[in-house]
PDB file of N, CA and C in Angstrom:
ATOM      1  N   MET A   1     -78.950  -8.974  51.895  1.00  0.00           N
ATOM      2  CA  MET A   1     -78.053  -8.282  51.570  1.00  0.00           C
ATOM      3  C   MET A   1     -77.684  -9.049  50.196  1.00  0.00           C
ATOM      4  N   ASP A   2     -77.063  -8.354  49.298  1.00  0.00           N
ATOM      5  CA  ASP A   2     -76.508  -8.411  47.907  1.00  0.00           C
ATOM      6  C   ASP A   2     -75.651  -8.866  48.204  1.00  0.00           C
ATOM      7  N   ALA A   3     -75.273 -10.165  47.220  1.00  0.00           N
ATOM      8  CA  ALA A   3     -74.364 -10.997  47.051  1.00  0.00           C
ATOM      9  C   ALA A   3     -73.402 -10.444  46.391  1.00  0.00           C
ATOM     10  N   LYS A   4     -71.906 -10.510  46.901  1.00  0.00           N
ATOM     11  CA  LYS A   4     -71.094  -9.393  45.827  1.00  0.00           C
ATOM     12  C   LYS A   4     -70.640 -10.323  44.673  1.00  0.00           C
ATOM     13  N   LYS A   5     -70.046  -9.916  43.497  1.00  0.00           N
ATOM     14  CA  LYS A   5     -69.904 -10.918  42.185  1.00  0.00           C
ATOM     15  C   LYS A   5     -68.577 -10.702  42.934  1.00  0.00           C
ATOM     16  N   PRO A   6     -67.720 -12.732  42.808  1.00  0.00           N
ATOM     17  CA  PRO A   6     -66.571 -12.656  42.936  1.00  0.00           C
ATOM     18  C   PRO A   6     -65.652 -12.340  42.224  1.00  0.00           C
ATOM     19  N   ARG A   7     -64.362 -11.436  42.713  1.00  0.00           N
ATOM     20  CA  ARG A   7     -63.401 -11.126  42.500  1.00  0.00           C
ATOM     21  C   ARG A   7     -62.664 -11.430  41.233  1.00  0.00           C
ATOM     22  N   LYS A   8     -62.717 -11.495  40.328  1.00  0.00           N
ATOM     23  CA  LYS A   8     -62.168 -12.082  38.907  1.00  0.00           C
ATOM     24  C   LYS A   8     -59.567 -12.196  39.102  1.00  0.00           C
ATOM     25  N   ALA A   9     -59.313 -13.217  39.050  1.00  0.00           N
ATOM     26  CA  ALA A   9     -57.823 -12.653  39.247  1.00  0.00           C
ATOM     27  C   ALA A   9     -57.069 -11.925  37.977  1.00  0.00           C
ATOM     28  N   ASN A  10     -56.361 -11.233  38.706  1.00  0.00           N
ATOM     29  CA  ASN A  10     -54.916 -10.390  37.595  1.00  0.00           C
ATOM     30  C   ASN A  10     -54.811 -11.074  36.723  1.00  0.00           C
ATOM     31  N   PHE A  11     -54.571 -10.324  35.881  1.00  0.00           N
ATOM     32  CA  PHE A  11     -54.170 -10.421  34.910  1.00  0.00           C
ATOM     33  C   PHE A  11     -52.757 -11.259  34.396  1.00  0.00           C
ATOM     34  N   ILE A  12     -52.214 -12.255  33.963  1.00  0.00           N
ATOM     35  CA  ILE A  12     -51.231 -13.252  34.344  1.00  0.00           C
ATOM     36  C   ILE A  12     -49.713 -11.745  33.305  1.00  0.00           C
ATOM     37  N   ASP A  13     -48.399 -12.398  33.334  1.00  0.00           N
ATOM     38  CA  ASP A  13     -47.785 -11.914  32.232  1.00  0.00           C
ATOM     39  C   ASP A  13     -48.058 -12.214  30.785  1.00  0.00           C
ATOM     40  N   VAL A  14     -48.410 -13.482  30.613  1.00  0.00           N
ATOM     41  CA  VAL A  14     -48.503 -13.786  29.388  1.00  0.00           C
ATOM     42  C   VAL A  14     -49.626 -13.067  29.081  1.00  0.00           C
ATOM     43  N   GLU A  15     -51.001 -13.247  29.768  1.00  0.00           N
ATOM     44  CA  GLU A  15     -51.862 -12.223  29.120  1.00  0.00           C
ATOM     45  C   GLU A  15     -51.282 -10.248  28.713  1.00  0.00           C
ATOM     46  N   VAL A  16     -50.555 -10.310  29.733  1.00  0.00           N
ATOM     47  CA  VAL A  16     -50.298  -8.976  29.585  1.00  0.00           C
ATOM     48  C   VAL A  16     -49.710  -8.079  28.551  1.00  0.00           C
ATOM     49  N   GLU A  17     -48.313  -9.494  27.762  1.00  0.00           N
ATOM     50  CA  GLU A  17     -47.336  -9.631  26.713  1.00  0.00           C
ATOM     51  C   GLU A  17     -49.024  -9.648  25.492  1.00  0.00           C
ATOM     52  N   VAL A  18     -49.445 -10.861  25.445  1.00  0.00           N
ATOM     53  CA  VAL A  18     -50.272 -10.588  24.290  1.00  0.00           C
ATOM     54  C   VAL A  18     -51.212  -9.595  24.127  1.00  0.00           C
ATOM     55  N   LEU A  19     -51.508  -8.800  24.868  1.00  0.00           N
ATOM     56  CA  LEU A  19     -52.368  -7.652  24.752  1.00  0.00           C
ATOM     57  C   LEU A  19     -51.758  -6.795  24.308  1.00  0.00           C
ATOM     58  N   VAL A  20     -50.354  -6.207  24.936  1.00  0.00           N
ATOM     59  CA  VAL A  20     -49.232  -5.011  24.552  1.00  0.00           C
ATOM     60  C   VAL A  20     -49.249  -5.293  22.939  1.00  0.00           C
ATOM     61  N   ASP A  21     -48.424  -6.678  22.941  1.00  0.00           N
ATOM     62  CA  ASP A  21     -48.653  -7.058  20.787  1.00  0.00           C
ATOM     63  C   ASP A  21     -49.543  -7.310  20.368  1.00  0.00           C
ATOM     64  N   ALA A  22     -50.811  -7.504  21.023  1.00  0.00           N
ATOM     65  CA  ALA A  22     -52.314  -7.524  20.018  1.00  0.00           C
ATOM     66  C   ALA A  22     -52.036  -5.647  19.602  1.00  0.00           C
ATOM     67  N   VAL A  23     -51.934  -5.040  20.447  1.00  0.00           N
ATOM     68  CA  VAL A  23     -52.504  -3.844  20.494  1.00  0.00           C
ATOM     69  C   VAL A  23     -51.479  -3.249  19.992  1.00  0.00           C
ATOM     70  N   GLY A  24     -50.414  -3.631  19.472  1.00  0.00           N
ATOM     71  CA  GLY A  24     -49.147  -2.394  18.792  1.00  0.00           C
ATOM     72  C   GLY A  24     -49.408  -3.354  17.378  1.00  0.00           C
ATOM     73  N   THR A  25     -50.327  -4.429  16.794  1.00  0.00           N
ATOM     74  CA  THR A  25     -49.810  -4.983  15.736  1.00  0.00           C
ATOM     75  C   THR A  25     -51.401  -4.341  15.394  1.00  0.00           C
ATOM     76  N   SER A  26     -52.641  -4.045  16.454  1.00  0.00           N
ATOM     77  CA  SER A  26     -53.622  -2.947  15.127  1.00  0.00           C
ATOM     78  C   SER A  26     -53.663  -1.701  15.664  1.00  0.00           C
ATOM     79  N   TYR A  27     -52.645  -1.153  16.731  1.00  0.00           N
ATOM     80  CA  TYR A  27     -52.716   0.272  16.985  1.00  0.00           C
ATOM     81  C   TYR A  27     -54.019   1.528  16.076  1.00  0.00           C
ATOM     82  N   LYS A  28     -53.264   1.181  14.291  1.00  0.00           N
ATOM     83  CA  LYS A  28     -53.763   2.049  13.442  1.00  0.00           C
ATOM     84  C   LYS A  28     -55.511   2.084  13.904  1.00  0.00           C
ATOM     85  N   ILE A  29     -55.803   0.964  14.116  1.00  0.00           N
ATOM     86  CA  ILE A  29     -57.618   0.568  14.061  1.00  0.00           C
ATOM     87  C   ILE A  29     -58.159   1.314  14.788  1.00  0.00           C
ATOM     88  N   LEU A  30     -57.328   0.613  16.220  1.00  0.00           N
ATOM     89  CA  LEU A  30     -57.878   1.260  17.662  1.00  0.00           C
ATOM     90  C   LEU A  30     -58.216   2.198  18.046  1.00  0.00           C
ATOM     91  N   TYR A  31     -56.925   2.756  17.219  1.00  0.00           N
ATOM     92  CA  TYR A  31     -57.111   4.389  17.735  1.00  0.00           C
ATOM     93  C   TYR A  31     -56.316   5.469  16.869  1.00  0.00           C
ATOM     94  N   GLY A  32     -56.640   5.167  15.468  1.00  0.00           N
ATOM     95  CA  GLY A  32     -56.928   5.976  14.411  1.00  0.00           C
ATOM     96  C   GLY A  32     -58.226   7.129  13.958  1.00  0.00           C
ATOM     97  N   LYS A  33     -58.456   7.845  13.229  1.00  0.00           N
ATOM     98  CA  LYS A  33     -59.261   8.843  13.617  1.00  0.00           C
ATOM     99  C   LYS A  33     -60.816   8.101  12.477  1.00  0.00           C
ATOM    100  N   PHE A  34     -61.990   8.130  12.562  1.00  0.00           N
ATOM    101  CA  PHE A  34     -62.761   7.506  12.147  1.00  0.00           C
ATOM    102  C   PHE A  34     -63.320   7.952  11.051  1.00  0.00           C
ATOM    103  N   SER A  35     -63.605   7.463   9.772  1.00  0.00           N
ATOM    104  CA  SER A  35     -63.522   7.689   8.206  1.00  0.00           C
ATOM    105  C   SER A  35     -64.757   6.683   7.863  1.00  0.00           C
ATOM    106  N   PRO A  36     -64.530   6.763   6.202  1.00  0.00           N
ATOM    107  CA  PRO A  36     -64.730   5.662   5.695  1.00  0.00           C
ATOM    108  C   PRO A  36     -64.898   4.558   5.509  1.00  0.00           C
ATOM    109  N   CYS A  37     -63.147   4.466   5.085  1.00  0.00           N
ATOM    110  CA  CYS A  37     -62.744   3.290   5.662  1.00  0.00           C
ATOM    111  C   CYS A  37     -62.119   2.760   7.488  1.00  0.00           C
ATOM    112  N   LEU A  38     -62.422   3.994   7.923  1.00  0.00           N
ATOM    113  CA  LEU A  38     -62.563   2.865   9.558  1.00  0.00           C
ATOM    114  C   LEU A  38     -63.395   3.511  10.153  1.00  0.00           C
ATOM    115  N   THR A  39     -64.365   2.629  10.759  1.00  0.00           N
ATOM    116  CA  THR A  39     -65.798   3.128  11.643  1.00  0.00           C
ATOM    117  C   THR A  39     -65.859   2.453  12.733  1.00  0.00           C
ATOM    118  N   ASN A  40     -66.726   2.368  13.788  1.00  0.00           N
ATOM    119  CA  ASN A  40     -66.754   2.155  14.661  1.00  0.00           C
ATOM    120  C   ASN A  40     -66.649   0.852  14.731  1.00  0.00           C
ATOM    121  N   ASN A  41     -67.770   0.248  13.924  1.00  0.00           N
ATOM    122  CA  ASN A  41     -67.936  -1.505  13.834  1.00  0.00           C
ATOM    123  C   ASN A  41     -66.451  -2.398  13.717  1.00  0.00           C
ATOM    124  N   MET A  42     -65.385  -1.430  12.868  1.00  0.00           N
ATOM    125  CA  MET A  42     -64.599  -2.030  12.200  1.00  0.00           C
ATOM    126  C   MET A  42     -63.485  -1.805  14.149  1.00  0.00           C
ATOM    127  N   LYS A  43     -63.368  -0.807  14.840  1.00  0.00           N
ATOM    128  CA  LYS A  43     -62.475  -0.889  15.782  1.00  0.00           C
ATOM    129  C   LYS A  43     -63.034  -1.836  16.557  1.00  0.00           C
ATOM    130  N   THR A  44     -64.687  -2.246  16.340  1.00  0.00           N
ATOM    131  CA  THR A  44     -64.997  -2.772  18.192  1.00  0.00           C
ATOM    132  C   THR A  44     -64.954  -4.379  17.101  1.00  0.00           C
ATOM    133  N   MET A  45     -64.493  -4.834  15.898  1.00  0.00           N
ATOM    134  CA  MET A  45     -63.954  -6.053  16.312  1.00  0.00           C
ATOM    135  C   MET A  45     -63.086  -5.782  16.425  1.00  0.00           C
ATOM    136  N   ALA A  46     -62.218  -5.740  16.316  1.00  0.00           N
ATOM    137  CA  ALA A  46     -60.422  -5.563  16.269  1.00  0.00           C
ATOM    138  C   ALA A  46     -60.043  -5.540  17.832  1.00  0.00           C
ATOM    139  N   TRP A  47     -61.357  -4.619  18.856  1.00  0.00           N
ATOM    140  CA  TRP A  47     -61.357  -5.432  20.090  1.00  0.00           C
ATOM    141  C   TRP A  47     -61.228  -6.367  20.015  1.00  0.00           C
ATOM    142  N   GLU A  48     -62.136  -7.014  20.272  1.00  0.00           N
ATOM    143  CA  GLU A  48     -62.805  -8.112  19.714  1.00  0.00           C
ATOM    144  C   GLU A  48     -62.204  -9.458  19.637  1.00  0.00           C
ATOM    145  N   SER A  49     -61.144  -9.080  18.284  1.00  0.00           N
ATOM    146  CA  SER A  49     -60.074 -10.064  17.408  1.00  0.00           C
ATOM    147  C   SER A  49     -59.496 -10.359  19.075  1.00  0.00           C
ATOM    148  N   LEU A  50     -58.704  -8.664  19.900  1.00  0.00           N
ATOM    149  CA  LEU A  50     -57.908  -8.457  20.409  1.00  0.00           C
ATOM    150  C   LEU A  50     -58.261  -9.073  21.800  1.00  0.00           C
ATOM    151  N   THR A  51     -60.044  -9.692  22.146  1.00  0.00           N
ATOM    152  CA  THR A  51     -59.856  -9.634  23.831  1.00  0.00           C
ATOM    153  C   THR A  51     -60.268 -11.624  23.138  1.00  0.00           C
ATOM    154  N   GLU A  52     -59.980 -12.252  22.237  1.00  0.00           N
ATOM    155  CA  GLU A  52     -60.223 -13.606  21.755  1.00  0.00           C
ATOM    156  C   GLU A  52     -58.520 -14.454  22.128  1.00  0.00           C
ATOM    157  N   LYS A  53     -57.509 -13.252  21.631  1.00  0.00           N
ATOM    158  CA  LYS A  53     -56.113 -13.710  22.080  1.00  0.00           C
ATOM    159  C   LYS A  53     -55.826 -13.518  23.730  1.00  0.00           C
ATOM    160  N   VAL A  54     -56.204 -12.402  23.534  1.00  0.00           N
ATOM    161  CA  VAL A  54     -56.190 -12.364  25.836  1.00  0.00           C
ATOM    162  C   VAL A  54     -57.111 -14.108  25.833  1.00  0.00           C
ATOM    163  N   LYS A  55     -57.886 -14.214  25.892  1.00  0.00           N
ATOM    164  CA  LYS A  55     -58.512 -15.758  25.986  1.00  0.00           C
ATOM    165  C   LYS A  55     -57.965 -16.480  26.123  1.00  0.00           C
ATOM    166  N   ALA A  56     -57.036 -16.602  24.488  1.00  0.00           N
ATOM    167  CA  ALA A  56     -56.991 -17.927  24.332  1.00  0.00           C
ATOM    168  C   ALA A  56     -55.716 -18.216  25.336  1.00  0.00           C
ATOM    169  N   VAL A  57     -54.646 -17.362  25.882  1.00  0.00           N
ATOM    170  CA  VAL A  57     -53.464 -17.848  26.411  1.00  0.00           C
ATOM    171  C   VAL A  57     -54.367 -17.465  28.428  1.00  0.00           C
ATOM    172  N   SER A  58     -55.489 -16.996  28.433  1.00  0.00           N
ATOM    173  CA  SER A  58     -56.066 -16.986  29.701  1.00  0.00           C
ATOM    174  C   SER A  58     -55.548 -18.207  30.171  1.00  0.00           C
ATOM    175  N   LEU A  59     -55.157 -18.785  31.575  1.00  0.00           N
ATOM    176  CA  LEU A  59     -55.893 -20.263  32.309  1.00  0.00           C
ATOM    177  C   LEU A  59     -56.721 -20.002  33.079  1.00  0.00           C
ATOM    178  N   GLN A  60     -57.271 -18.956  33.915  1.00  0.00           N
ATOM    179  CA  GLN A  60     -57.952 -18.775  34.649  1.00  0.00           C
ATOM    180  C   GLN A  60     -59.629 -18.094  34.296  1.00  0.00           C
ATOM    181  N   CYS A  61     -59.568 -17.562  34.085  1.00  0.00           N
ATOM    182  CA  CYS A  61     -60.762 -16.789  33.593  1.00  0.00           C
ATOM    183  C   CYS A  61     -61.173 -16.023  32.640  1.00  0.00           C
ATOM    184  N   THR A  62     -62.204 -16.272  32.086  1.00  0.00           N
ATOM    185  CA  THR A  62     -62.350 -15.451  31.113  1.00  0.00           C
ATOM    186  C   THR A  62     -62.358 -14.092  30.785  1.00  0.00           C
ATOM    187  N   ARG A  63     -61.932 -12.934  29.983  1.00  0.00           N
ATOM    188  CA  ARG A  63     -62.238 -11.874  29.839  1.00  0.00           C
ATOM    189  C   ARG A  63     -62.989 -10.921  29.300  1.00  0.00           C
ATOM    190  N   GLY A  64     -63.708 -10.154  29.380  1.00  0.00           N
ATOM    191  CA  GLY A  64     -64.596  -9.386  28.321  1.00  0.00           C
ATOM    192  C   GLY A  64     -63.745  -8.050  27.666  1.00  0.00           C
ATOM    193  N   VAL A  65     -64.557  -7.914  26.559  1.00  0.00           N
ATOM    194  CA  VAL A  65     -63.623  -6.440  25.916  1.00  0.00           C
ATOM    195  C   VAL A  65     -63.975  -5.355  26.551  1.00  0.00           C
ATOM    196  N   VAL A  66     -64.709  -5.298  27.963  1.00  0.00           N
ATOM    197  CA  VAL A  66     -64.430  -3.776  28.154  1.00  0.00           C
ATOM    198  C   VAL A  66     -63.502  -4.216  29.627  1.00  0.00           C
ATOM    199  N   GLU A  67     -63.161  -5.641  29.912  1.00  0.00           N
ATOM    200  CA  GLU A  67     -61.989  -5.905  31.018  1.00  0.00           C
ATOM    201  C   GLU A  67     -60.883  -5.893  30.242  1.00  0.00           C
ATOM    202  N   VAL A  68     -60.591  -6.273  29.184  1.00  0.00           N
ATOM    203  CA  VAL A  68     -59.904  -5.818  28.238  1.00  0.00           C
ATOM    204  C   VAL A  68     -59.210  -4.250  28.106  1.00  0.00           C
ATOM    205  N   LYS A  69     -59.771  -3.319  27.970  1.00  0.00           N
ATOM    206  CA  LYS A  69     -59.783  -1.722  27.151  1.00  0.00           C
ATOM    207  C   LYS A  69     -59.246  -1.392  28.469  1.00  0.00           C
ATOM    208  N   LYS A  70     -60.342  -1.687  29.551  1.00  0.00           N
ATOM    209  CA  LYS A  70     -60.123  -1.128  31.099  1.00  0.00           C
ATOM    210  C   LYS A  70     -58.034  -1.102  31.378  1.00  0.00           C
ATOM    211  N   LYS A  71     -57.468  -2.782  31.486  1.00  0.00           N
ATOM    212  CA  LYS A  71     -56.622  -3.050  31.103  1.00  0.00           C
ATOM    213  C   LYS A  71     -55.503  -2.124  30.819  1.00  0.00           C
ATOM    214  N   TRP A  72     -55.854  -2.128  29.440  1.00  0.00           N
ATOM    215  CA  TRP A  72     -55.206  -1.604  28.567  1.00  0.00           C
ATOM    216  C   TRP A  72     -54.874   0.125  28.947  1.00  0.00           C
ATOM    217  N   GLN A  73     -56.304   0.680  29.285  1.00  0.00           N
ATOM    218  CA  GLN A  73     -56.060   2.145  29.895  1.00  0.00           C
ATOM    219  C   GLN A  73     -55.393   2.528  31.698  1.00  0.00           C
ATOM    220  N   ASP A  74     -55.343   1.225  31.951  1.00  0.00           N
ATOM    221  CA  ASP A  74     -54.755   1.275  33.057  1.00  0.00           C
ATOM    222  C   ASP A  74     -53.079   1.092  33.110  1.00  0.00           C
ATOM    223  N   MET A  75     -52.752  -0.061  32.317  1.00  0.00           N
ATOM    224  CA  MET A  75     -51.196  -0.110  32.031  1.00  0.00           C
ATOM    225  C   MET A  75     -50.484   1.100  30.863  1.00  0.00           C
ATOM    226  N   GLN A  76     -51.650   2.008  30.422  1.00  0.00           N
ATOM    227  CA  GLN A  76     -50.705   3.197  29.922  1.00  0.00           C
ATOM    228  C   GLN A  76     -50.702   3.656  30.800  1.00  0.00           C
ATOM    229  N   SER A  77     -51.631   4.792  31.543  1.00  0.00           N
ATOM    230  CA  SER A  77     -51.075   5.312  32.755  1.00  0.00           C
ATOM    231  C   SER A  77     -49.862   5.544  33.735  1.00  0.00           C
ATOM    232  N   VAL A  78     -49.860   3.705  34.039  1.00  0.00           N
ATOM    233  CA  VAL A  78     -49.097   3.546  35.345  1.00  0.00           C
ATOM    234  C   VAL A  78     -47.896   3.431  34.439  1.00  0.00           C
ATOM    235  N   VAL A  79     -47.452   3.223  33.030  1.00  0.00           N
ATOM    236  CA  VAL A  79     -46.652   3.349  32.398  1.00  0.00           C
ATOM    237  C   VAL A  79     -45.770   5.027  32.294  1.00  0.00           C
ATOM    238  N   LYS A  80     -47.422   5.830  31.905  1.00  0.00           N
ATOM    239  CA  LYS A  80     -46.771   7.036  31.683  1.00  0.00           C
ATOM    240  C   LYS A  80     -46.339   8.322  33.116  1.00  0.00           C
ATOM    241  N   LYS A  81     -46.589   7.308  34.222  1.00  0.00           N
ATOM    242  CA  LYS A  81     -46.219   7.785  35.169  1.00  0.00           C
ATOM    243  C   LYS A  81     -44.625   7.711  35.970  1.00  0.00           C
ATOM    244  N   LYS A  82     -44.167   6.061  35.448  1.00  0.00           N
ATOM    245  CA  LYS A  82     -42.858   6.149  35.790  1.00  0.00           C
ATOM    246  C   LYS A  82     -42.173   6.230  34.285  1.00  0.00           C
ATOM    247  N   GLU A  83     -42.436   6.527  33.439  1.00  0.00           N
ATOM    248  CA  GLU A  83     -41.689   7.379  32.810  1.00  0.00           C
ATOM    249  C   GLU A  83     -41.368   8.792  32.900  1.00  0.00           C
ATOM    250  N   ALA A  84     -42.691   9.755  33.495  1.00  0.00           N
ATOM    251  CA  ALA A  84     -42.297  10.908  34.475  1.00  0.00           C
ATOM    252  C   ALA A  84     -41.506  10.963  35.194  1.00  0.00           C
ATOM    253  N   GLN A  85     -41.963   9.941  35.719  1.00  0.00           N
ATOM    254  CA  GLN A  85     -40.565  10.059  37.269  1.00  0.00           C
ATOM    255  C   GLN A  85     -39.604   9.849  36.700  1.00  0.00           C
ATOM    256  N   ARG A  86     -39.559   8.565  35.651  1.00  0.00           N
ATOM    257  CA  ARG A  86     -37.972   8.641  35.303  1.00  0.00           C
ATOM    258  C   ARG A  86     -37.353  10.131  34.811  1.00  0.00           C
ATOM    259  N   ARG A  87     -38.274  10.946  34.633  1.00  0.00           N
ATOM    260  CA  ARG A  87     -37.762  12.062  33.617  1.00  0.00           C
ATOM    261  C   ARG A  87     -37.194  12.759  34.608  1.00  0.00           C
ATOM    262  N   LYS A  88     -38.375  13.468  34.947  1.00  0.00           N
ATOM    263  CA  LYS A  88     -38.041  13.794  36.551  1.00  0.00           C
ATOM    264  C   LYS A  88     -36.450  13.647  37.446  1.00  0.00           C
ATOM    265  N   THR A  89     -36.282  12.648  37.944  1.00  0.00           N
ATOM    266  CA  THR A  89     -35.246  12.418  38.435  1.00  0.00           C
ATOM    267  C   THR A  89     -34.150  12.487  37.351  1.00  0.00           C
ATOM    268  N   LEU A  90     -34.440  12.764  36.299  1.00  0.00           N
ATOM    269  CA  LEU A  90     -32.804  12.793  35.288  1.00  0.00           C
ATOM    270  C   LEU A  90     -32.407  14.265  35.776  1.00  0.00           C
ATOM    271  N   THR A  91     -33.291  15.125  35.717  1.00  0.00           N
ATOM    272  CA  THR A  91     -33.393  16.720  35.878  1.00  0.00           C
ATOM    273  C   THR A  91     -32.658  17.189  36.898  1.00  0.00           C
ATOM    274  N   GLN A  92     -32.586  16.059  37.716  1.00  0.00           N
ATOM    275  CA  GLN A  92     -32.453  16.669  39.456  1.00  0.00           C
ATOM    276  C   GLN A  92     -31.136  16.649  40.192  1.00  0.00           C
ATOM    277  N   ILE A  93     -30.352  17.648  40.497  1.00  0.00           N
ATOM    278  CA  ILE A  93     -29.410  17.836  40.650  1.00  0.00           C
ATOM    279  C   ILE A  93     -28.820  17.423  42.664  1.00  0.00           C
ATOM    280  N   GLY A  94     -28.308  16.589  42.871  1.00  0.00           N
ATOM    281  CA  GLY A  94     -28.493  16.513  44.173  1.00  0.00           C
ATOM    282  C   GLY A  94     -28.807  15.609  44.539  1.00  0.00           C
ATOM    283  N   GLU A  95     -29.297  15.538  45.758  1.00  0.00           N
ATOM    284  CA  GLU A  95     -30.207  14.816  46.598  1.00  0.00           C
ATOM    285  C   GLU A  95     -29.746  13.179  46.486  1.00  0.00           C
ATOM    286  N   GLY A  96     -28.427  12.514  47.220  1.00  0.00           N
ATOM    287  CA  GLY A  96     -27.976  11.716  47.107  1.00  0.00           C
ATOM    288  C   GLY A  96     -27.772  10.823  45.263  1.00  0.00           C
ATOM    289  N   PRO A  97     -27.667   9.787  45.380  1.00  0.00           N
ATOM    290  CA  PRO A  97     -27.453   8.815  44.027  1.00  0.00           C
ATOM    291  C   PRO A  97     -29.081   8.892  43.838  1.00  0.00           C
ATOM    292  N   SER A  98     -29.085   9.025  42.288  1.00  0.00           N
ATOM    293  CA  SER A  98     -30.581   8.594  41.440  1.00  0.00           C
ATOM    294  C   SER A  98     -30.492   7.351  41.321  1.00  0.00           C
ATOM    295  N   GLN A  99     -31.577   7.413  41.270  1.00  0.00           N
ATOM    296  CA  GLN A  99     -32.984   6.332  41.452  1.00  0.00           C
ATOM    297  C   GLN A  99     -32.786   5.631  39.968  1.00  0.00           C
ATOM    298  N   LEU A 100     -32.321   4.282  39.615  1.00  0.00           N
ATOM    299  CA  LEU A 100     -32.363   3.761  38.286  1.00  0.00           C
ATOM    300  C   LEU A 100     -34.353   3.004  38.099  1.00  0.00           C
ATOM    301  N   PHE A 101     -34.955   3.375  37.266  1.00  0.00           N
ATOM    302  CA  PHE A 101     -36.132   3.072  36.453  1.00  0.00           C
ATOM    303  C   PHE A 101     -35.781   2.471  35.541  1.00  0.00           C
ATOM    304  N   MET A 102     -36.276   0.628  35.892  1.00  0.00           N
ATOM    305  CA  MET A 102     -35.813   0.006  34.784  1.00  0.00           C
ATOM    306  C   MET A 102     -37.639  -0.241  34.419  1.00  0.00           C
ATOM    307  N   LEU A 103     -37.542  -0.214  33.111  1.00  0.00           N
ATOM    308  CA  LEU A 103     -38.974  -0.671  32.705  1.00  0.00           C
ATOM    309  C   LEU A 103     -38.921  -2.291  32.397  1.00  0.00           C
ATOM    310  N   LYS A 104     -40.094  -2.474  32.498  1.00  0.00           N
ATOM    311  CA  LYS A 104     -40.126  -4.280  32.141  1.00  0.00           C
ATOM    312  C   LYS A 104     -40.288  -3.805  30.583  1.00  0.00           C
ATOM    313  N   PRO A 105     -40.199  -4.892  30.080  1.00  0.00           N
ATOM    314  CA  PRO A 105     -39.826  -5.075  27.977  1.00  0.00           C
ATOM    315  C   PRO A 105     -41.446  -4.805  27.652  1.00  0.00           C
ATOM    316  N   TRP A 106     -42.344  -5.035  28.343  1.00  0.00           N
ATOM    317  CA  TRP A 106     -43.543  -4.782  27.854  1.00  0.00           C
ATOM    318  C   TRP A 106     -44.099  -3.214  27.889  1.00  0.00           C
ATOM    319  N   GLU A 107     -44.013  -2.611  29.377  1.00  0.00           N
ATOM    320  CA  GLU A 107     -43.859  -1.330  29.563  1.00  0.00           C
ATOM    321  C   GLU A 107     -43.169  -0.269  28.233  1.00  0.00           C
ATOM    322  N   GLU A 108     -42.029  -0.921  28.003  1.00  0.00           N
ATOM    323  CA  GLU A 108     -41.242   0.271  26.992  1.00  0.00           C
ATOM    324  C   GLU A 108     -42.075   0.082  25.920  1.00  0.00           C
ATOM    325  N   LYS A 109     -42.830  -1.108  25.590  1.00  0.00           N
ATOM    326  CA  LYS A 109     -43.689  -0.974  24.322  1.00  0.00           C
ATOM    327  C   LYS A 109     -44.651  -0.681  24.276  1.00  0.00           C
ATOM    328  N   VAL A 110     -45.744   0.291  25.833  1.00  0.00           N
ATOM    329  CA  VAL A 110     -46.706   0.832  25.817  1.00  0.00           C
ATOM    330  C   VAL A 110     -45.769   2.201  25.489  1.00  0.00           C
ATOM    331  N   CYS A 111     -45.085   2.649  26.038  1.00  0.00           N
ATOM    332  CA  CYS A 111     -44.300   3.393  26.029  1.00  0.00           C
ATOM    333  C   CYS A 111     -44.542   4.179  24.629  1.00  0.00           C
TER     334      CYS A 111
END
């Protein structure tokens, strides 16, 4: 049988915070429209730079650009679902006490 690759460790809180801060500072480059001033090569270099920042604080394993991008997309998805659920509970009437959805500091930055 094929040998399975060992599973990498989960992202630690420090890695997540560095990722959120780094994306926040270079958001216009990462998600801006392509133009003569903003090329695909520039976006790729920005993701590589961002990955190096995450690697610098990582204690357990090294991360690749693909893994960092995937983590960012997953984080955005989770935060959007939490925010949608929070808004839904604000508009509900009755049904007992309302649930409080508290976002973590990094989740508020992702919103």
